[in-house]
Amino acid sequence: MKKLGYFILASALAVSASAGFAVAQDSAGHDLKAAGTDTKDATKDTGHAVATGSKKTATGTKKVYHKTASGTKTAADKTADGTKTVGKDIGHGTKVAAKDTAHGTEKVGDKIAGKPTPQ
């Protein structure tokens, strides 16, 4: 009888140990599968975020390009207008200075010639 009791006890321990091992394997397999799914989902989310960020960056780059081009054109136009204005002012100033110089030279010539200064 003692041997039968030991046999039953040993069998019960063997069955419970193998069942625990099977549960542990299922749990580990399930955890591994869940980890794989989580990794896949995170990778997809990252891919979507990168794609969205890239599209936004491309749009921002286009806006900056167009604003830069517009600003450059505006600056070029204003520089051209300013150059014309300065050119006109310089031309006018040169003309006035030439007349003043001619008039001054005339006065000096009159003094040398002994002509009286007009009043």
PDB file of N, CA and C in Angstrom:
ATOM      1  N   MET A   1       0.805  -1.175   0.000  1.00  0.00           N
ATOM      2  CA  MET A   1       0.000   0.000   0.000  1.00  0.00           C
ATOM      3  C   MET A   1       0.863   1.260   0.000  1.00  0.00           C
ATOM      4  N   LYS A   2       1.915   1.165   0.760  1.00  0.00           N
ATOM      5  CA  LYS A   2       2.788   2.318   0.794  1.00  0.00           C
ATOM      6  C   LYS A   2       3.319   2.611  -0.606  1.00  0.00           C
ATOM      7  N   LYS A   3       3.654   1.566  -1.329  1.00  0.00           N
ATOM      8  CA  LYS A   3       4.198   1.764  -2.667  1.00  0.00           C
ATOM      9  C   LYS A   3       3.148   2.394  -3.573  1.00  0.00           C
ATOM     10  N   LEU A   4       1.898   1.966  -3.408  1.00  0.00           N
ATOM     11  CA  LEU A   4       0.829   2.533  -4.220  1.00  0.00           C
ATOM     12  C   LEU A   4       0.641   4.010  -3.887  1.00  0.00           C
ATOM     13  N   GLY A   5       0.727   4.365  -2.624  1.00  0.00           N
ATOM     14  CA  GLY A   5       0.603   5.766  -2.205  1.00  0.00           C
ATOM     15  C   GLY A   5       1.729   6.622  -2.781  1.00  0.00           C
ATOM     16  N   TYR A   6       2.954   6.051  -2.744  1.00  0.00           N
ATOM     17  CA  TYR A   6       4.084   6.780  -3.330  1.00  0.00           C
ATOM     18  C   TYR A   6       3.897   6.946  -4.834  1.00  0.00           C
ATOM     19  N   PHE A   7       3.385   5.904  -5.461  1.00  0.00           N
ATOM     20  CA  PHE A   7       3.171   5.941  -6.905  1.00  0.00           C
ATOM     21  C   PHE A   7       2.130   7.001  -7.268  1.00  0.00           C
ATOM     22  N   ILE A   8       1.037   7.039  -6.522  1.00  0.00           N
ATOM     23  CA  ILE A   8      -0.014   8.026  -6.773  1.00  0.00           C
ATOM     24  C   ILE A   8       0.509   9.438  -6.506  1.00  0.00           C
ATOM     25  N   LEU A   9       1.253   9.594  -5.448  1.00  0.00           N
ATOM     26  CA  LEU A   9       1.820  10.899  -5.122  1.00  0.00           C
ATOM     27  C   LEU A   9       2.796  11.341  -6.206  1.00  0.00           C
ATOM     28  N   ALA A  10       3.641  10.435  -6.648  1.00  0.00           N
ATOM     29  CA  ALA A  10       4.615  10.756  -7.689  1.00  0.00           C
ATOM     30  C   ALA A  10       3.901  11.089  -8.988  1.00  0.00           C
ATOM     31  N   SER A  11       2.836  10.350  -9.313  1.00  0.00           N
ATOM     32  CA  SER A  11       2.084  10.618 -10.535  1.00  0.00           C
ATOM     33  C   SER A  11       1.416  11.987 -10.462  1.00  0.00           C
ATOM     34  N   ALA A  12       0.841  12.294  -9.318  1.00  0.00           N
ATOM     35  CA  ALA A  12       0.177  13.581  -9.145  1.00  0.00           C
ATOM     36  C   ALA A  12       1.178  14.728  -9.273  1.00  0.00           C
ATOM     37  N   LEU A  13       2.344  14.553  -8.693  1.00  0.00           N
ATOM     38  CA  LEU A  13       3.377  15.592  -8.806  1.00  0.00           C
ATOM     39  C   LEU A  13       3.841  15.753 -10.260  1.00  0.00           C
ATOM     40  N   ALA A  14       3.983  14.645 -10.956  1.00  0.00           N
ATOM     41  CA  ALA A  14       4.430  14.678 -12.351  1.00  0.00           C
ATOM     42  C   ALA A  14       3.398  15.379 -13.223  1.00  0.00           C
ATOM     43  N   VAL A  15       2.133  15.082 -13.006  1.00  0.00           N
ATOM     44  CA  VAL A  15       1.064  15.699 -13.804  1.00  0.00           C
ATOM     45  C   VAL A  15       0.994  17.197 -13.510  1.00  0.00           C
ATOM     46  N   SER A  16       1.049  17.559 -12.256  1.00  0.00           N
ATOM     47  CA  SER A  16       0.949  18.979 -11.916  1.00  0.00           C
ATOM     48  C   SER A  16       2.180  19.750 -12.396  1.00  0.00           C
ATOM     49  N   ALA A  17       3.330  19.151 -12.352  1.00  0.00           N
ATOM     50  CA  ALA A  17       4.548  19.812 -12.818  1.00  0.00           C
ATOM     51  C   ALA A  17       4.492  20.020 -14.323  1.00  0.00           C
ATOM     52  N   SER A  18       4.013  18.990 -15.063  1.00  0.00           N
ATOM     53  CA  SER A  18       3.948  19.128 -16.518  1.00  0.00           C
ATOM     54  C   SER A  18       2.875  20.139 -16.908  1.00  0.00           C
ATOM     55  N   ALA A  19       1.791  20.214 -16.167  1.00  0.00           N
ATOM     56  CA  ALA A  19       0.742  21.190 -16.459  1.00  0.00           C
ATOM     57  C   ALA A  19       1.271  22.603 -16.205  1.00  0.00           C
ATOM     58  N   GLY A  20       2.013  22.785 -15.155  1.00  0.00           N
ATOM     59  CA  GLY A  20       2.604  24.094 -14.850  1.00  0.00           C
ATOM     60  C   GLY A  20       3.590  24.509 -15.920  1.00  0.00           C
ATOM     61  N   PHE A  21       4.352  23.556 -16.427  1.00  0.00           N
ATOM     62  CA  PHE A  21       5.309  23.840 -17.492  1.00  0.00           C
ATOM     63  C   PHE A  21       4.580  24.254 -18.760  1.00  0.00           C
ATOM     64  N   ALA A  22       3.469  23.559 -19.065  1.00  0.00           N
ATOM     65  CA  ALA A  22       2.687  23.884 -20.259  1.00  0.00           C
ATOM     66  C   ALA A  22       2.086  25.276 -20.134  1.00  0.00           C
ATOM     67  N   VAL A  23       1.583  25.622 -18.955  1.00  0.00           N
ATOM     68  CA  VAL A  23       1.026  26.951 -18.738  1.00  0.00           C
ATOM     69  C   VAL A  23       2.113  27.995 -18.868  1.00  0.00           C
ATOM     70  N   ALA A  24       3.287  27.732 -18.339  1.00  0.00           N
ATOM     71  CA  ALA A  24       4.397  28.666 -18.429  1.00  0.00           C
ATOM     72  C   ALA A  24       4.794  28.872 -19.880  1.00  0.00           C
ATOM     73  N   GLN A  25       4.792  27.789 -20.677  1.00  0.00           N
ATOM     74  CA  GLN A  25       5.129  27.916 -22.095  1.00  0.00           C
ATOM     75  C   GLN A  25       4.085  28.751 -22.813  1.00  0.00           C
ATOM     76  N   ASP A  26       2.819  28.498 -22.527  1.00  0.00           N
ATOM     77  CA  ASP A  26       1.753  29.270 -23.168  1.00  0.00           C
ATOM     78  C   ASP A  26       1.863  30.740 -22.786  1.00  0.00           C
ATOM     79  N   SER A  27       2.138  31.008 -21.537  1.00  0.00           N
ATOM     80  CA  SER A  27       2.251  32.383 -21.062  1.00  0.00           C
ATOM     81  C   SER A  27       3.432  33.086 -21.737  1.00  0.00           C
ATOM     82  N   ALA A  28       4.569  32.391 -21.833  1.00  0.00           N
ATOM     83  CA  ALA A  28       5.745  32.977 -22.476  1.00  0.00           C
ATOM     84  C   ALA A  28       5.476  33.209 -23.956  1.00  0.00           C
ATOM     85  N   GLY A  29       4.838  32.244 -24.591  1.00  0.00           N
ATOM     86  CA  GLY A  29       4.509  32.394 -26.014  1.00  0.00           C
ATOM     87  C   GLY A  29       3.561  33.553 -26.239  1.00  0.00           C
ATOM     88  N   HIS A  30       2.592  33.664 -25.352  1.00  0.00           N
ATOM     89  CA  HIS A  30       1.636  34.769 -25.456  1.00  0.00           C
ATOM     90  C   HIS A  30       2.338  36.113 -25.253  1.00  0.00           C
ATOM     91  N   ASP A  31       3.219  36.193 -24.263  1.00  0.00           N
ATOM     92  CA  ASP A  31       3.969  37.418 -24.003  1.00  0.00           C
ATOM     93  C   ASP A  31       4.830  37.799 -25.203  1.00  0.00           C
ATOM     94  N   LEU A  32       5.471  36.791 -25.799  1.00  0.00           N
ATOM     95  CA  LEU A  32       6.326  37.028 -26.954  1.00  0.00           C
ATOM     96  C   LEU A  32       5.502  37.538 -28.128  1.00  0.00           C
ATOM     97  N   LYS A  33       4.341  36.927 -28.341  1.00  0.00           N
ATOM     98  CA  LYS A  33       3.461  37.351 -29.427  1.00  0.00           C
ATOM     99  C   LYS A  33       2.962  38.785 -29.182  1.00  0.00           C
ATOM    100  N   ALA A  34       2.595  39.083 -27.940  1.00  0.00           N
ATOM    101  CA  ALA A  34       2.128  40.428 -27.598  1.00  0.00           C
ATOM    102  C   ALA A  34       3.241  41.452 -27.815  1.00  0.00           C
ATOM    103  N   ALA A  35       4.454  41.093 -27.444  1.00  0.00           N
ATOM    104  CA  ALA A  35       5.587  42.003 -27.641  1.00  0.00           C
ATOM    105  C   ALA A  35       5.815  42.257 -29.131  1.00  0.00           C
ATOM    106  N   GLY A  36       5.697  41.208 -29.937  1.00  0.00           N
ATOM    107  CA  GLY A  36       5.851  41.364 -31.390  1.00  0.00           C
ATOM    108  C   GLY A  36       4.781  42.269 -31.971  1.00  0.00           C
ATOM    109  N   THR A  37       3.547  42.100 -31.513  1.00  0.00           N
ATOM    110  CA  THR A  37       2.446  42.939 -31.990  1.00  0.00           C
ATOM    111  C   THR A  37       2.655  44.391 -31.569  1.00  0.00           C
ATOM    112  N   ASP A  38       3.078  44.588 -30.331  1.00  0.00           N
ATOM    113  CA  ASP A  38       3.335  45.951 -29.857  1.00  0.00           C
ATOM    114  C   ASP A  38       4.447  46.622 -30.672  1.00  0.00           C
ATOM    115  N   THR A  39       5.478  45.853 -30.980  1.00  0.00           N
ATOM    116  CA  THR A  39       6.592  46.393 -31.772  1.00  0.00           C
ATOM    117  C   THR A  39       6.107  46.762 -33.168  1.00  0.00           C
ATOM    118  N   LYS A  40       5.308  45.895 -33.760  1.00  0.00           N
ATOM    119  CA  LYS A  40       4.768  46.158 -35.103  1.00  0.00           C
ATOM    120  C   LYS A  40       3.919  47.429 -35.090  1.00  0.00           C
ATOM    121  N   ASP A  41       3.053  47.567 -34.100  1.00  0.00           N
ATOM    122  CA  ASP A  41       2.190  48.745 -34.006  1.00  0.00           C
ATOM    123  C   ASP A  41       3.009  50.020 -33.803  1.00  0.00           C
ATOM    124  N   ALA A  42       4.017  49.939 -32.957  1.00  0.00           N
ATOM    125  CA  ALA A  42       4.873  51.106 -32.713  1.00  0.00           C
ATOM    126  C   ALA A  42       5.622  51.499 -33.984  1.00  0.00           C
ATOM    127  N   THR A  43       6.066  50.501 -34.744  1.00  0.00           N
ATOM    128  CA  THR A  43       6.773  50.771 -35.996  1.00  0.00           C
ATOM    129  C   THR A  43       5.843  51.460 -36.990  1.00  0.00           C
ATOM    130  N   LYS A  44       4.612  50.981 -37.078  1.00  0.00           N
ATOM    131  CA  LYS A  44       3.635  51.617 -37.973  1.00  0.00           C
ATOM    132  C   LYS A  44       3.390  53.069 -37.561  1.00  0.00           C
ATOM    133  N   ASP A  45       3.193  53.286 -36.260  1.00  0.00           N
ATOM    134  CA  ASP A  45       2.943  54.637 -35.764  1.00  0.00           C
ATOM    135  C   ASP A  45       4.118  55.564 -36.070  1.00  0.00           C
ATOM    136  N   THR A  46       5.320  55.042 -35.884  1.00  0.00           N
ATOM    137  CA  THR A  46       6.514  55.834 -36.171  1.00  0.00           C
ATOM    138  C   THR A  46       6.592  56.166 -37.654  1.00  0.00           C
ATOM    139  N   GLY A  47       6.298  55.171 -38.488  1.00  0.00           N
ATOM    140  CA  GLY A  47       6.306  55.396 -39.944  1.00  0.00           C
ATOM    141  C   GLY A  47       5.312  56.463 -40.350  1.00  0.00           C
ATOM    142  N   HIS A  48       4.120  56.415 -39.770  1.00  0.00           N
ATOM    143  CA  HIS A  48       3.105  57.425 -40.088  1.00  0.00           C
ATOM    144  C   HIS A  48       3.547  58.811 -39.619  1.00  0.00           C
ATOM    145  N   ALA A  49       4.131  58.869 -38.447  1.00  0.00           N
ATOM    146  CA  ALA A  49       4.593  60.160 -37.917  1.00  0.00           C
ATOM    147  C   ALA A  49       5.703  60.735 -38.792  1.00  0.00           C
ATOM    148  N   VAL A  50       6.621  59.900 -39.232  1.00  0.00           N
ATOM    149  CA  VAL A  50       7.712  60.363 -40.092  1.00  0.00           C
ATOM    150  C   VAL A  50       7.150  60.858 -41.419  1.00  0.00           C
ATOM    151  N   ALA A  51       6.209  60.110 -41.989  1.00  0.00           N
ATOM    152  CA  ALA A  51       5.610  60.516 -43.262  1.00  0.00           C
ATOM    153  C   ALA A  51       4.900  61.856 -43.114  1.00  0.00           C
ATOM    154  N   THR A  52       4.142  62.015 -42.053  1.00  0.00           N
ATOM    155  CA  THR A  52       3.426  63.270 -41.821  1.00  0.00           C
ATOM    156  C   THR A  52       4.409  64.414 -41.622  1.00  0.00           C
ATOM    157  N   GLY A  53       5.435  64.181 -40.833  1.00  0.00           N
ATOM    158  CA  GLY A  53       6.451  65.215 -40.608  1.00  0.00           C
ATOM    159  C   GLY A  53       7.171  65.582 -41.890  1.00  0.00           C
ATOM    160  N   SER A  54       7.449  64.602 -42.726  1.00  0.00           N
ATOM    161  CA  SER A  54       8.131  64.865 -43.993  1.00  0.00           C
ATOM    162  C   SER A  54       7.258  65.713 -44.910  1.00  0.00           C
ATOM    163  N   LYS A  55       5.965  65.416 -44.946  1.00  0.00           N
ATOM    164  CA  LYS A  55       5.050  66.205 -45.782  1.00  0.00           C
ATOM    165  C   LYS A  55       4.990  67.644 -45.282  1.00  0.00           C
ATOM    166  N   LYS A  56       4.928  67.811 -43.960  1.00  0.00           N
ATOM    167  CA  LYS A  56       4.873  69.157 -43.395  1.00  0.00           C
ATOM    168  C   LYS A  56       6.167  69.905 -43.676  1.00  0.00           C
ATOM    169  N   THR A  57       7.294  69.216 -43.594  1.00  0.00           N
ATOM    170  CA  THR A  57       8.586  69.846 -43.870  1.00  0.00           C
ATOM    171  C   THR A  57       8.664  70.277 -45.325  1.00  0.00           C
ATOM    172  N   ALA A  58       8.188  69.410 -46.229  1.00  0.00           N
ATOM    173  CA  ALA A  58       8.207  69.749 -47.654  1.00  0.00           C
ATOM    174  C   ALA A  58       7.333  70.968 -47.913  1.00  0.00           C
ATOM    175  N   THR A  59       6.155  71.009 -47.320  1.00  0.00           N
ATOM    176  CA  THR A  59       5.256  72.161 -47.494  1.00  0.00           C
ATOM    177  C   THR A  59       5.899  73.427 -46.941  1.00  0.00           C
ATOM    178  N   GLY A  60       6.499  73.325 -45.762  1.00  0.00           N
ATOM    179  CA  GLY A  60       7.170  74.481 -45.169  1.00  0.00           C
ATOM    180  C   GLY A  60       8.326  74.963 -46.024  1.00  0.00           C
ATOM    181  N   THR A  61       9.062  74.027 -46.599  1.00  0.00           N
ATOM    182  CA  THR A  61      10.189  74.382 -47.458  1.00  0.00           C
ATOM    183  C   THR A  61       9.699  75.131 -48.696  1.00  0.00           C
ATOM    184  N   LYS A  62       8.591  74.670 -49.276  1.00  0.00           N
ATOM    185  CA  LYS A  62       8.030  75.352 -50.445  1.00  0.00           C
ATOM    186  C   LYS A  62       7.599  76.768 -50.087  1.00  0.00           C
ATOM    187  N   LYS A  63       6.962  76.924 -48.926  1.00  0.00           N
ATOM    188  CA  LYS A  63       6.523  78.256 -48.505  1.00  0.00           C
ATOM    189  C   LYS A  63       7.721  79.177 -48.323  1.00  0.00           C
ATOM    190  N   VAL A  64       8.762  78.681 -47.676  1.00  0.00           N
ATOM    191  CA  VAL A  64       9.954  79.490 -47.456  1.00  0.00           C
ATOM    192  C   VAL A  64      10.585  79.873 -48.790  1.00  0.00           C
ATOM    193  N   TYR A  65      10.638  78.912 -49.721  1.00  0.00           N
ATOM    194  CA  TYR A  65      11.214  79.179 -51.041  1.00  0.00           C
ATOM    195  C   TYR A  65      10.456  80.307 -51.728  1.00  0.00           C
ATOM    196  N   HIS A  66       9.115  80.205 -51.744  1.00  0.00           N
ATOM    197  CA  HIS A  66       8.306  81.217 -52.424  1.00  0.00           C
ATOM    198  C   HIS A  66       8.423  82.582 -51.746  1.00  0.00           C
ATOM    199  N   LYS A  67       8.446  82.598 -50.416  1.00  0.00           N
ATOM    200  CA  LYS A  67       8.584  83.867 -49.716  1.00  0.00           C
ATOM    201  C   LYS A  67       9.958  84.478 -49.971  1.00  0.00           C
ATOM    202  N   THR A  68      10.982  83.645 -50.028  1.00  0.00           N
ATOM    203  CA  THR A  68      12.332  84.136 -50.303  1.00  0.00           C
ATOM    204  C   THR A  68      12.404  84.704 -51.715  1.00  0.00           C
ATOM    205  N   ALA A  69      11.820  83.977 -52.665  1.00  0.00           N
ATOM    206  CA  ALA A  69      11.820  84.453 -54.048  1.00  0.00           C
ATOM    207  C   ALA A  69      11.082  85.781 -54.157  1.00  0.00           C
ATOM    208  N   SER A  70       9.940  85.883 -53.503  1.00  0.00           N
ATOM    209  CA  SER A  70       9.156  87.118 -53.527  1.00  0.00           C
ATOM    210  C   SER A  70       9.930  88.263 -52.878  1.00  0.00           C
ATOM    211  N   GLY A  71      10.541  87.988 -51.739  1.00  0.00           N
ATOM    212  CA  GLY A  71      11.323  89.014 -51.046  1.00  0.00           C
ATOM    213  C   GLY A  71      12.509  89.475 -51.872  1.00  0.00           C
ATOM    214  N   THR A  72      13.143  88.545 -52.551  1.00  0.00           N
ATOM    215  CA  THR A  72      14.287  88.890 -53.402  1.00  0.00           C
ATOM    216  C   THR A  72      13.842  89.782 -54.547  1.00  0.00           C
ATOM    217  N   LYS A  73      12.704  89.449 -55.164  1.00  0.00           N
ATOM    218  CA  LYS A  73      12.182  90.261 -56.268  1.00  0.00           C
ATOM    219  C   LYS A  73      11.827  91.660 -55.772  1.00  0.00           C
ATOM    220  N   THR A  74      11.171  91.734 -54.635  1.00  0.00           N
ATOM    221  CA  THR A  74      10.809  93.035 -54.060  1.00  0.00           C
ATOM    222  C   THR A  74      12.064  93.857 -53.774  1.00  0.00           C
ATOM    223  N   ALA A  75      13.057  93.222 -53.185  1.00  0.00           N
ATOM    224  CA  ALA A  75      14.302  93.933 -52.881  1.00  0.00           C
ATOM    225  C   ALA A  75      14.980  94.417 -54.160  1.00  0.00           C
ATOM    226  N   ALA A  76      14.973  93.574 -55.189  1.00  0.00           N
ATOM    227  CA  ALA A  76      15.595  93.962 -56.461  1.00  0.00           C
ATOM    228  C   ALA A  76      14.854  95.141 -57.083  1.00  0.00           C
ATOM    229  N   ASP A  77      13.519  95.089 -57.032  1.00  0.00           N
ATOM    230  CA  ASP A  77      12.724  96.194 -57.586  1.00  0.00           C
ATOM    231  C   ASP A  77      12.994  97.495 -56.835  1.00  0.00           C
ATOM    232  N   LYS A  78      13.024  97.415 -55.513  1.00  0.00           N
ATOM    233  CA  LYS A  78      13.259  98.619 -54.712  1.00  0.00           C
ATOM    234  C   LYS A  78      14.678  99.153 -54.928  1.00  0.00           C
ATOM    235  N   THR A  79      15.629  98.245 -55.096  1.00  0.00           N
ATOM    236  CA  THR A  79      17.009  98.671 -55.358  1.00  0.00           C
ATOM    237  C   THR A  79      17.083  99.386 -56.702  1.00  0.00           C
ATOM    238  N   ALA A  80      16.392  98.846 -57.708  1.00  0.00           N
ATOM    239  CA  ALA A  80      16.386  99.481 -59.030  1.00  0.00           C
ATOM    240  C   ALA A  80      15.745 100.865 -58.954  1.00  0.00           C
ATOM    241  N   ASP A  81      14.599 100.956 -58.261  1.00  0.00           N
ATOM    242  CA  ASP A  81      13.938 102.257 -58.114  1.00  0.00           C
ATOM    243  C   ASP A  81      14.832 103.248 -57.369  1.00  0.00           C
ATOM    244  N   GLY A  82      15.455 102.788 -56.308  1.00  0.00           N
ATOM    245  CA  GLY A  82      16.347 103.651 -55.534  1.00  0.00           C
ATOM    246  C   GLY A  82      17.529 104.112 -56.355  1.00  0.00           C
ATOM    247  N   THR A  83      18.054 103.219 -57.169  1.00  0.00           N
ATOM    248  CA  THR A  83      19.194 103.567 -58.021  1.00  0.00           C
ATOM    249  C   THR A  83      18.790 104.632 -59.031  1.00  0.00           C
ATOM    250  N   LYS A  84      17.587 104.510 -59.612  1.00  0.00           N
ATOM    251  CA  LYS A  84      17.099 105.516 -60.567  1.00  0.00           C
ATOM    252  C   LYS A  84      16.959 106.873 -59.885  1.00  0.00           C
ATOM    253  N   THR A  85      16.382 106.865 -58.672  1.00  0.00           N
ATOM    254  CA  THR A  85      16.186 108.111 -57.932  1.00  0.00           C
ATOM    255  C   THR A  85      17.526 108.757 -57.606  1.00  0.00           C
ATOM    256  N   VAL A  86      18.449 107.953 -57.129  1.00  0.00           N
ATOM    257  CA  VAL A  86      19.781 108.478 -56.798  1.00  0.00           C
ATOM    258  C   VAL A  86      20.456 108.994 -58.060  1.00  0.00           C
ATOM    259  N   GLY A  87      20.311 108.262 -59.150  1.00  0.00           N
ATOM    260  CA  GLY A  87      20.904 108.702 -60.416  1.00  0.00           C
ATOM    261  C   GLY A  87      20.349 110.050 -60.861  1.00  0.00           C
ATOM    262  N   LYS A  88      19.023 110.212 -60.727  1.00  0.00           N
ATOM    263  CA  LYS A  88      18.403 111.489 -61.088  1.00  0.00           C
ATOM    264  C   LYS A  88      18.915 112.605 -60.178  1.00  0.00           C
ATOM    265  N   ASP A  89      18.980 112.316 -58.879  1.00  0.00           N
ATOM    266  CA  ASP A  89      19.458 113.323 -57.931  1.00  0.00           C
ATOM    267  C   ASP A  89      20.904 113.710 -58.213  1.00  0.00           C
ATOM    268  N   ILE A  90      21.725 112.726 -58.512  1.00  0.00           N
ATOM    269  CA  ILE A  90      23.142 113.011 -58.811  1.00  0.00           C
ATOM    270  C   ILE A  90      23.245 113.833 -60.093  1.00  0.00           C
ATOM    271  N   GLY A  91      22.431 113.448 -61.091  1.00  0.00           N
ATOM    272  CA  GLY A  91      22.441 114.203 -62.357  1.00  0.00           C
ATOM    273  C   GLY A  91      22.040 115.648 -62.144  1.00  0.00           C
ATOM    274  N   HIS A  92      20.999 115.839 -61.348  1.00  0.00           N
ATOM    275  CA  HIS A  92      20.537 117.210 -61.058  1.00  0.00           C
ATOM    276  C   HIS A  92      21.610 117.987 -60.289  1.00  0.00           C
ATOM    277  N   GLY A  93      22.179 117.356 -59.301  1.00  0.00           N
ATOM    278  CA  GLY A  93      23.223 118.011 -58.504  1.00  0.00           C
ATOM    279  C   GLY A  93      24.427 118.361 -59.356  1.00  0.00           C
ATOM    280  N   THR A  94      24.777 117.496 -60.257  1.00  0.00           N
ATOM    281  CA  THR A  94      25.922 117.745 -61.139  1.00  0.00           C
ATOM    282  C   THR A  94      25.630 118.934 -62.055  1.00  0.00           C
ATOM    283  N   LYS A  95      24.399 118.985 -62.558  1.00  0.00           N
ATOM    284  CA  LYS A  95      23.995 120.076 -63.447  1.00  0.00           C
ATOM    285  C   LYS A  95      24.047 121.424 -62.703  1.00  0.00           C
ATOM    286  N   VAL A  96      23.501 121.438 -61.489  1.00  0.00           N
ATOM    287  CA  VAL A  96      23.515 122.667 -60.683  1.00  0.00           C
ATOM    288  C   VAL A  96      24.953 123.060 -60.367  1.00  0.00           C
ATOM    289  N   ALA A  97      25.760 122.099 -59.987  1.00  0.00           N
ATOM    290  CA  ALA A  97      27.163 122.402 -59.669  1.00  0.00           C
ATOM    291  C   ALA A  97      27.893 122.928 -60.898  1.00  0.00           C
ATOM    292  N   ALA A  98      27.605 122.380 -62.059  1.00  0.00           N
ATOM    293  CA  ALA A  98      28.262 122.849 -63.283  1.00  0.00           C
ATOM    294  C   ALA A  98      27.866 124.291 -63.589  1.00  0.00           C
ATOM    295  N   LYS A  99      26.572 124.591 -63.412  1.00  0.00           N
ATOM    296  CA  LYS A  99      26.123 125.973 -63.650  1.00  0.00           C
ATOM    297  C   LYS A  99      26.782 126.934 -62.662  1.00  0.00           C
ATOM    298  N   ASP A 100      26.813 126.522 -61.385  1.00  0.00           N
ATOM    299  CA  ASP A 100      27.438 127.371 -60.373  1.00  0.00           C
ATOM    300  C   ASP A 100      28.922 127.578 -60.668  1.00  0.00           C
ATOM    301  N   THR A 101      29.570 126.529 -61.106  1.00  0.00           N
ATOM    302  CA  THR A 101      30.995 126.630 -61.434  1.00  0.00           C
ATOM    303  C   THR A 101      31.190 127.561 -62.623  1.00  0.00           C
ATOM    304  N   ALA A 102      30.341 127.433 -63.630  1.00  0.00           N
ATOM    305  CA  ALA A 102      30.455 128.300 -64.816  1.00  0.00           C
ATOM    306  C   ALA A 102      30.212 129.760 -64.431  1.00  0.00           C
ATOM    307  N   HIS A 103      29.199 129.958 -63.589  1.00  0.00           N
ATOM    308  CA  HIS A 103      28.892 131.329 -63.155  1.00  0.00           C
ATOM    309  C   HIS A 103      30.052 131.904 -62.332  1.00  0.00           C
ATOM    310  N   GLY A 104      30.619 131.078 -61.452  1.00  0.00           N
ATOM    311  CA  GLY A 104      31.758 131.533 -60.648  1.00  0.00           C
ATOM    312  C   GLY A 104      32.966 131.833 -61.524  1.00  0.00           C
ATOM    313  N   THR A 105      33.180 131.019 -62.521  1.00  0.00           N
ATOM    314  CA  THR A 105      34.306 131.235 -63.438  1.00  0.00           C
ATOM    315  C   THR A 105      34.089 132.534 -64.208  1.00  0.00           C
ATOM    316  N   GLU A 106      32.851 132.781 -64.589  1.00  0.00           N
ATOM    317  CA  GLU A 106      32.515 134.004 -65.306  1.00  0.00           C
ATOM    318  C   GLU A 106      32.813 135.235 -64.445  1.00  0.00           C
ATOM    319  N   LYS A 107      32.443 135.142 -63.161  1.00  0.00           N
ATOM    320  CA  LYS A 107      32.699 136.261 -62.235  1.00  0.00           C
ATOM    321  C   LYS A 107      34.192 136.510 -62.098  1.00  0.00           C
ATOM    322  N   VAL A 108      34.964 135.439 -61.963  1.00  0.00           N
ATOM    323  CA  VAL A 108      36.415 135.585 -61.828  1.00  0.00           C
ATOM    324  C   VAL A 108      36.985 136.202 -63.105  1.00  0.00           C
ATOM    325  N   GLY A 109      36.469 135.734 -64.230  1.00  0.00           N
ATOM    326  CA  GLY A 109      36.930 136.301 -65.519  1.00  0.00           C
ATOM    327  C   GLY A 109      36.615 137.777 -65.622  1.00  0.00           C
ATOM    328  N   ASP A 110      35.421 138.171 -65.165  1.00  0.00           N
ATOM    329  CA  ASP A 110      35.033 139.591 -65.198  1.00  0.00           C
ATOM    330  C   ASP A 110      35.946 140.418 -64.290  1.00  0.00           C
ATOM    331  N   LYS A 111      36.279 139.870 -63.104  1.00  0.00           N
ATOM    332  CA  LYS A 111      37.170 140.608 -62.188  1.00  0.00           C
ATOM    333  C   LYS A 111      38.547 140.797 -62.826  1.00  0.00           C
ATOM    334  N   ILE A 112      39.004 139.739 -63.488  1.00  0.00           N
ATOM    335  CA  ILE A 112      40.319 139.839 -64.123  1.00  0.00           C
ATOM    336  C   ILE A 112      40.263 140.875 -65.253  1.00  0.00           C
ATOM    337  N   ALA A 113      39.148 140.903 -65.962  1.00  0.00           N
ATOM    338  CA  ALA A 113      39.011 141.831 -67.082  1.00  0.00           C
ATOM    339  C   ALA A 113      38.711 143.248 -66.596  1.00  0.00           C
ATOM    340  N   GLY A 114      38.363 143.389 -65.339  1.00  0.00           N
ATOM    341  CA  GLY A 114      38.099 144.711 -64.778  1.00  0.00           C
ATOM    342  C   GLY A 114      36.677 145.150 -64.958  1.00  0.00           C
ATOM    343  N   LYS A 115      35.785 144.260 -65.280  1.00  0.00           N
ATOM    344  CA  LYS A 115      34.376 144.627 -65.450  1.00  0.00           C
ATOM    345  C   LYS A 115      33.741 144.815 -64.082  1.00  0.00           C
ATOM    346  N   PRO A 116      32.806 145.745 -63.967  1.00  0.00           N
ATOM    347  CA  PRO A 116      32.143 145.947 -62.681  1.00  0.00           C
ATOM    348  C   PRO A 116      31.174 144.804 -62.388  1.00  0.00           C
ATOM    349  N   THR A 117      30.991 144.506 -61.115  1.00  0.00           N
ATOM    350  CA  THR A 117      30.098 143.432 -60.682  1.00  0.00           C
ATOM    351  C   THR A 117      28.665 143.935 -60.782  1.00  0.00           C
ATOM    352  N   PRO A 118      27.798 143.136 -61.476  1.00  0.00           N
ATOM    353  CA  PRO A 118      26.386 143.587 -61.583  1.00  0.00           C
ATOM    354  C   PRO A 118      25.678 143.451 -60.250  1.00  0.00           C
ATOM    355  N   GLN A 119      24.750 144.403 -60.028  1.00  0.00           N
ATOM    356  CA  GLN A 119      24.043 144.378 -58.758  1.00  0.00           C
ATOM    357  C   GLN A 119      22.605 144.122 -58.908  1.00  0.00           C
TER     358      GLN A 119
END
